[in-house]
Every structure is written in C-alpha cells, then in structure tokens.
Amino acid sequence: MWKRAVASNTARPAVAGSAAASSPLLNWFAGMAERNAQRSKLALAGRDALRPVLAQTAQALLAVDTAQFIAPVRSGVLSTRPGDL
C-alpha cells in the first residue's frame, strides 16, 4: 500500500537556496523574466517605487473580462484537477 500511495503522488520537492540580493558575487536577477526582475528591483527600492506599478497592474486586472479566464476551463482546454497543474 505504501508503494502505491507514493507512486500515485504527483507532488515534487522544490530545492532553493538563499543569498543576499546585494551580494556583489551574485547576479540575483539572472534568468528571471524581465517583468519579474523589474518588479523585484522596484520592491528592493521600496514601497514608494513599487506602488505606481502595482496600481497600474491592479487597474489592468480590474479591466479584464473574467469570462476570458473561465472559458478555457469550461471548454476543457485547461484542467481543474490539482494533479494536472
């Protein structure tokens, strides 16, 4: 029974290290998507630097028609089963 339960489990471990973003020996943003890197840099700069970008993002999200997100799930294009994520 234990082998069966382990074999059917779809969870995967995540391994991550930590380091100071200010380390001169580390390119903290290497490999990051440009938008993520930009927002991370703004977050490091402080709340006042990040606030305008987050306000703009919030307005864009409020303008989205939620049917655009629901339609793919209803049509079966996207699965709602947790193991499929």
N, C-alpha and C. Protein backbone atom coordinates (compact mmCIF):
# COMPACT_ATOMS: atom_id res chain seq x y z
N MET A 1 0.82 -1.19 0.00
CA MET A 1 0.00 0.00 0.00
C MET A 1 0.87 1.26 0.00
N TRP A 2 1.97 1.27 0.74
CA TRP A 2 2.84 2.44 0.77
C TRP A 2 3.40 2.75 -0.62
N LYS A 3 3.84 1.70 -1.33
CA LYS A 3 4.39 1.93 -2.67
C LYS A 3 3.34 2.52 -3.60
N ARG A 4 2.14 2.03 -3.50
CA ARG A 4 1.07 2.55 -4.34
C ARG A 4 0.81 4.02 -4.05
N ALA A 5 0.76 4.40 -2.79
CA ALA A 5 0.50 5.80 -2.42
C ALA A 5 1.62 6.71 -2.91
N VAL A 6 2.85 6.26 -2.78
CA VAL A 6 3.98 7.08 -3.22
C VAL A 6 3.98 7.20 -4.73
N ALA A 7 3.70 6.11 -5.42
CA ALA A 7 3.71 6.13 -6.89
C ALA A 7 2.63 7.04 -7.46
N SER A 8 1.50 7.17 -6.76
CA SER A 8 0.41 8.00 -7.29
C SER A 8 0.53 9.46 -6.88
N ASN A 9 1.47 9.77 -6.02
CA ASN A 9 1.63 11.14 -5.56
C ASN A 9 2.30 11.96 -6.67
N THR A 10 1.71 13.11 -7.01
CA THR A 10 2.26 13.94 -8.08
C THR A 10 3.06 15.12 -7.54
N ALA A 11 3.19 15.24 -6.23
CA ALA A 11 3.95 16.35 -5.66
C ALA A 11 5.44 16.18 -5.96
N ARG A 12 6.12 17.28 -6.12
CA ARG A 12 7.55 17.28 -6.37
C ARG A 12 8.23 18.22 -5.38
N PRO A 13 9.40 17.84 -4.91
CA PRO A 13 10.09 18.74 -3.97
C PRO A 13 10.68 19.94 -4.71
N ALA A 14 10.83 21.03 -4.01
CA ALA A 14 11.49 22.21 -4.56
C ALA A 14 12.74 22.48 -3.73
N VAL A 15 13.83 22.72 -4.41
CA VAL A 15 15.07 23.00 -3.72
C VAL A 15 15.49 24.43 -4.07
N ALA A 16 15.72 25.23 -3.05
CA ALA A 16 16.13 26.61 -3.29
C ALA A 16 17.09 27.05 -2.22
N GLY A 17 18.00 27.87 -2.60
CA GLY A 17 18.94 28.43 -1.64
C GLY A 17 18.58 29.88 -1.38
N SER A 18 19.29 30.48 -0.47
CA SER A 18 19.05 31.90 -0.21
C SER A 18 20.39 32.64 -0.23
N ALA A 19 20.32 33.88 -0.61
CA ALA A 19 21.51 34.73 -0.63
C ALA A 19 21.03 36.17 -0.60
N ALA A 20 21.88 37.04 -0.14
CA ALA A 20 21.55 38.47 -0.10
C ALA A 20 21.48 39.02 -1.51
N ALA A 21 20.42 39.76 -1.81
CA ALA A 21 20.26 40.35 -3.13
C ALA A 21 21.36 41.38 -3.40
N SER A 22 21.97 41.91 -2.37
CA SER A 22 23.01 42.92 -2.54
C SER A 22 24.41 42.32 -2.71
N SER A 23 24.51 41.01 -2.74
CA SER A 23 25.82 40.36 -2.86
C SER A 23 26.48 40.73 -4.20
N PRO A 24 27.73 41.22 -4.17
CA PRO A 24 28.41 41.56 -5.42
C PRO A 24 28.83 40.33 -6.23
N LEU A 25 28.78 39.17 -5.62
CA LEU A 25 29.19 37.94 -6.31
C LEU A 25 28.02 37.21 -6.96
N LEU A 26 26.84 37.78 -6.84
CA LEU A 26 25.64 37.09 -7.32
C LEU A 26 24.83 38.00 -8.22
N ASN A 27 24.48 37.50 -9.39
CA ASN A 27 23.53 38.22 -10.24
C ASN A 27 22.15 37.69 -9.90
N TRP A 28 21.53 38.31 -8.93
CA TRP A 28 20.26 37.85 -8.36
C TRP A 28 19.18 37.72 -9.43
N PHE A 29 19.22 38.55 -10.43
CA PHE A 29 18.14 38.61 -11.43
C PHE A 29 18.44 37.81 -12.70
N ALA A 30 19.57 37.13 -12.76
CA ALA A 30 19.92 36.34 -13.94
C ALA A 30 18.89 35.24 -14.15
N GLY A 31 18.40 35.13 -15.36
CA GLY A 31 17.45 34.09 -15.70
C GLY A 31 16.01 34.43 -15.36
N MET A 32 15.79 35.57 -14.74
CA MET A 32 14.44 35.97 -14.37
C MET A 32 13.77 36.63 -15.57
N ALA A 33 12.48 36.45 -15.70
CA ALA A 33 11.74 37.16 -16.74
C ALA A 33 11.90 38.65 -16.51
N GLU A 34 11.98 39.42 -17.56
CA GLU A 34 12.25 40.86 -17.45
C GLU A 34 11.26 41.57 -16.53
N ARG A 35 9.99 41.27 -16.66
CA ARG A 35 8.97 41.92 -15.83
C ARG A 35 9.17 41.57 -14.36
N ASN A 36 9.48 40.30 -14.09
CA ASN A 36 9.71 39.89 -12.70
C ASN A 36 10.95 40.57 -12.13
N ALA A 37 12.00 40.67 -12.94
CA ALA A 37 13.22 41.32 -12.49
C ALA A 37 12.95 42.80 -12.19
N GLN A 38 12.22 43.44 -13.08
CA GLN A 38 11.90 44.86 -12.89
C GLN A 38 11.12 45.07 -11.59
N ARG A 39 10.12 44.27 -11.36
CA ARG A 39 9.31 44.43 -10.15
C ARG A 39 10.07 44.07 -8.90
N SER A 40 10.94 43.09 -8.99
CA SER A 40 11.76 42.74 -7.83
C SER A 40 12.71 43.88 -7.48
N LYS A 41 13.28 44.51 -8.50
CA LYS A 41 14.17 45.65 -8.26
C LYS A 41 13.41 46.82 -7.64
N LEU A 42 12.19 47.04 -8.13
CA LEU A 42 11.37 48.10 -7.55
C LEU A 42 11.02 47.79 -6.09
N ALA A 43 10.73 46.53 -5.81
CA ALA A 43 10.42 46.13 -4.43
C ALA A 43 11.62 46.37 -3.52
N LEU A 44 12.81 46.07 -4.02
CA LEU A 44 14.02 46.31 -3.24
C LEU A 44 14.25 47.81 -3.01
N ALA A 45 13.79 48.62 -3.97
CA ALA A 45 13.95 50.07 -3.85
C ALA A 45 12.98 50.65 -2.81
N GLY A 46 11.92 49.94 -2.53
CA GLY A 46 10.98 50.40 -1.50
C GLY A 46 9.56 50.52 -2.00
N ARG A 47 8.68 50.67 -1.04
CA ARG A 47 7.24 50.73 -1.31
C ARG A 47 6.88 51.85 -2.27
N ASP A 48 7.47 53.02 -2.09
CA ASP A 48 7.12 54.16 -2.94
C ASP A 48 7.51 53.93 -4.40
N ALA A 49 8.56 53.17 -4.64
CA ALA A 49 8.98 52.86 -6.01
C ALA A 49 8.04 51.84 -6.65
N LEU A 50 7.55 50.91 -5.86
CA LEU A 50 6.72 49.82 -6.39
C LEU A 50 5.24 50.19 -6.54
N ARG A 51 4.78 51.09 -5.69
CA ARG A 51 3.34 51.41 -5.65
C ARG A 51 2.74 51.78 -7.01
N PRO A 52 3.35 52.66 -7.82
CA PRO A 52 2.72 53.01 -9.11
C PRO A 52 2.57 51.81 -10.05
N VAL A 53 3.54 50.93 -10.06
CA VAL A 53 3.46 49.75 -10.93
C VAL A 53 2.35 48.82 -10.46
N LEU A 54 2.24 48.63 -9.16
CA LEU A 54 1.18 47.77 -8.64
C LEU A 54 -0.20 48.38 -8.87
N ALA A 55 -0.31 49.70 -8.77
CA ALA A 55 -1.59 50.36 -9.04
C ALA A 55 -1.99 50.18 -10.50
N GLN A 56 -1.01 50.29 -11.40
CA GLN A 56 -1.28 50.09 -12.82
C GLN A 56 -1.71 48.64 -13.09
N THR A 57 -1.04 47.70 -12.46
CA THR A 57 -1.39 46.29 -12.62
C THR A 57 -2.79 46.02 -12.09
N ALA A 58 -3.12 46.59 -10.96
CA ALA A 58 -4.46 46.41 -10.38
C ALA A 58 -5.53 46.94 -11.33
N GLN A 59 -5.30 48.09 -11.93
CA GLN A 59 -6.27 48.65 -12.87
C GLN A 59 -6.43 47.75 -14.09
N ALA A 60 -5.33 47.21 -14.58
CA ALA A 60 -5.39 46.31 -15.74
C ALA A 60 -6.18 45.05 -15.40
N LEU A 61 -5.97 44.52 -14.20
CA LEU A 61 -6.69 43.30 -13.80
C LEU A 61 -8.18 43.58 -13.63
N LEU A 62 -8.52 44.75 -13.10
CA LEU A 62 -9.93 45.09 -12.94
C LEU A 62 -10.64 45.27 -14.27
N ALA A 63 -9.89 45.60 -15.31
CA ALA A 63 -10.47 45.82 -16.63
C ALA A 63 -10.67 44.53 -17.42
N VAL A 64 -10.13 43.42 -16.94
CA VAL A 64 -10.20 42.15 -17.66
C VAL A 64 -11.59 41.54 -17.53
N ASP A 65 -12.08 41.00 -18.61
CA ASP A 65 -13.34 40.27 -18.61
C ASP A 65 -13.06 38.87 -18.06
N THR A 66 -13.65 38.55 -16.92
CA THR A 66 -13.37 37.25 -16.29
C THR A 66 -13.78 36.07 -17.17
N ALA A 67 -14.67 36.27 -18.10
CA ALA A 67 -15.07 35.18 -19.00
C ALA A 67 -13.88 34.68 -19.82
N GLN A 68 -12.91 35.56 -20.06
CA GLN A 68 -11.70 35.14 -20.79
C GLN A 68 -10.95 34.06 -20.04
N PHE A 69 -11.02 34.10 -18.72
CA PHE A 69 -10.30 33.12 -17.92
C PHE A 69 -11.14 31.87 -17.66
N ILE A 70 -12.43 32.03 -17.61
CA ILE A 70 -13.32 30.91 -17.31
C ILE A 70 -13.54 30.03 -18.54
N ALA A 71 -13.60 30.61 -19.71
CA ALA A 71 -13.91 29.87 -20.94
C ALA A 71 -12.97 28.70 -21.20
N PRO A 72 -11.65 28.85 -21.09
CA PRO A 72 -10.77 27.69 -21.34
C PRO A 72 -11.01 26.53 -20.38
N VAL A 73 -11.35 26.83 -19.14
CA VAL A 73 -11.62 25.77 -18.18
C VAL A 73 -12.92 25.06 -18.53
N ARG A 74 -13.92 25.83 -18.85
CA ARG A 74 -15.22 25.24 -19.21
C ARG A 74 -15.15 24.42 -20.50
N SER A 75 -14.30 24.84 -21.42
CA SER A 75 -14.20 24.13 -22.69
C SER A 75 -13.32 22.88 -22.59
N GLY A 76 -12.63 22.72 -21.45
CA GLY A 76 -11.78 21.55 -21.28
C GLY A 76 -10.35 21.76 -21.73
N VAL A 77 -10.03 22.95 -22.23
CA VAL A 77 -8.66 23.22 -22.64
C VAL A 77 -7.74 23.20 -21.45
N LEU A 78 -8.20 23.77 -20.32
CA LEU A 78 -7.43 23.75 -19.08
C LEU A 78 -8.11 22.80 -18.11
N SER A 79 -7.34 22.03 -17.41
CA SER A 79 -7.87 21.11 -16.43
C SER A 79 -8.01 21.80 -15.09
N THR A 80 -9.00 21.37 -14.31
CA THR A 80 -9.18 21.89 -12.95
C THR A 80 -8.71 20.88 -11.92
N ARG A 81 -8.16 19.76 -12.37
CA ARG A 81 -7.69 18.74 -11.42
C ARG A 81 -6.34 19.17 -10.85
N PRO A 82 -6.18 19.13 -9.52
CA PRO A 82 -4.93 19.58 -8.91
C PRO A 82 -3.69 18.85 -9.42
N GLY A 83 -3.78 17.60 -9.72
CA GLY A 83 -2.64 16.84 -10.19
C GLY A 83 -2.16 17.24 -11.56
N ASP A 84 -2.98 17.98 -12.32
CA ASP A 84 -2.63 18.38 -13.68
C ASP A 84 -1.92 19.72 -13.74
N LEU A 85 -1.77 20.38 -12.62
CA LEU A 85 -1.15 21.70 -12.64
C LEU A 85 0.33 21.61 -12.84
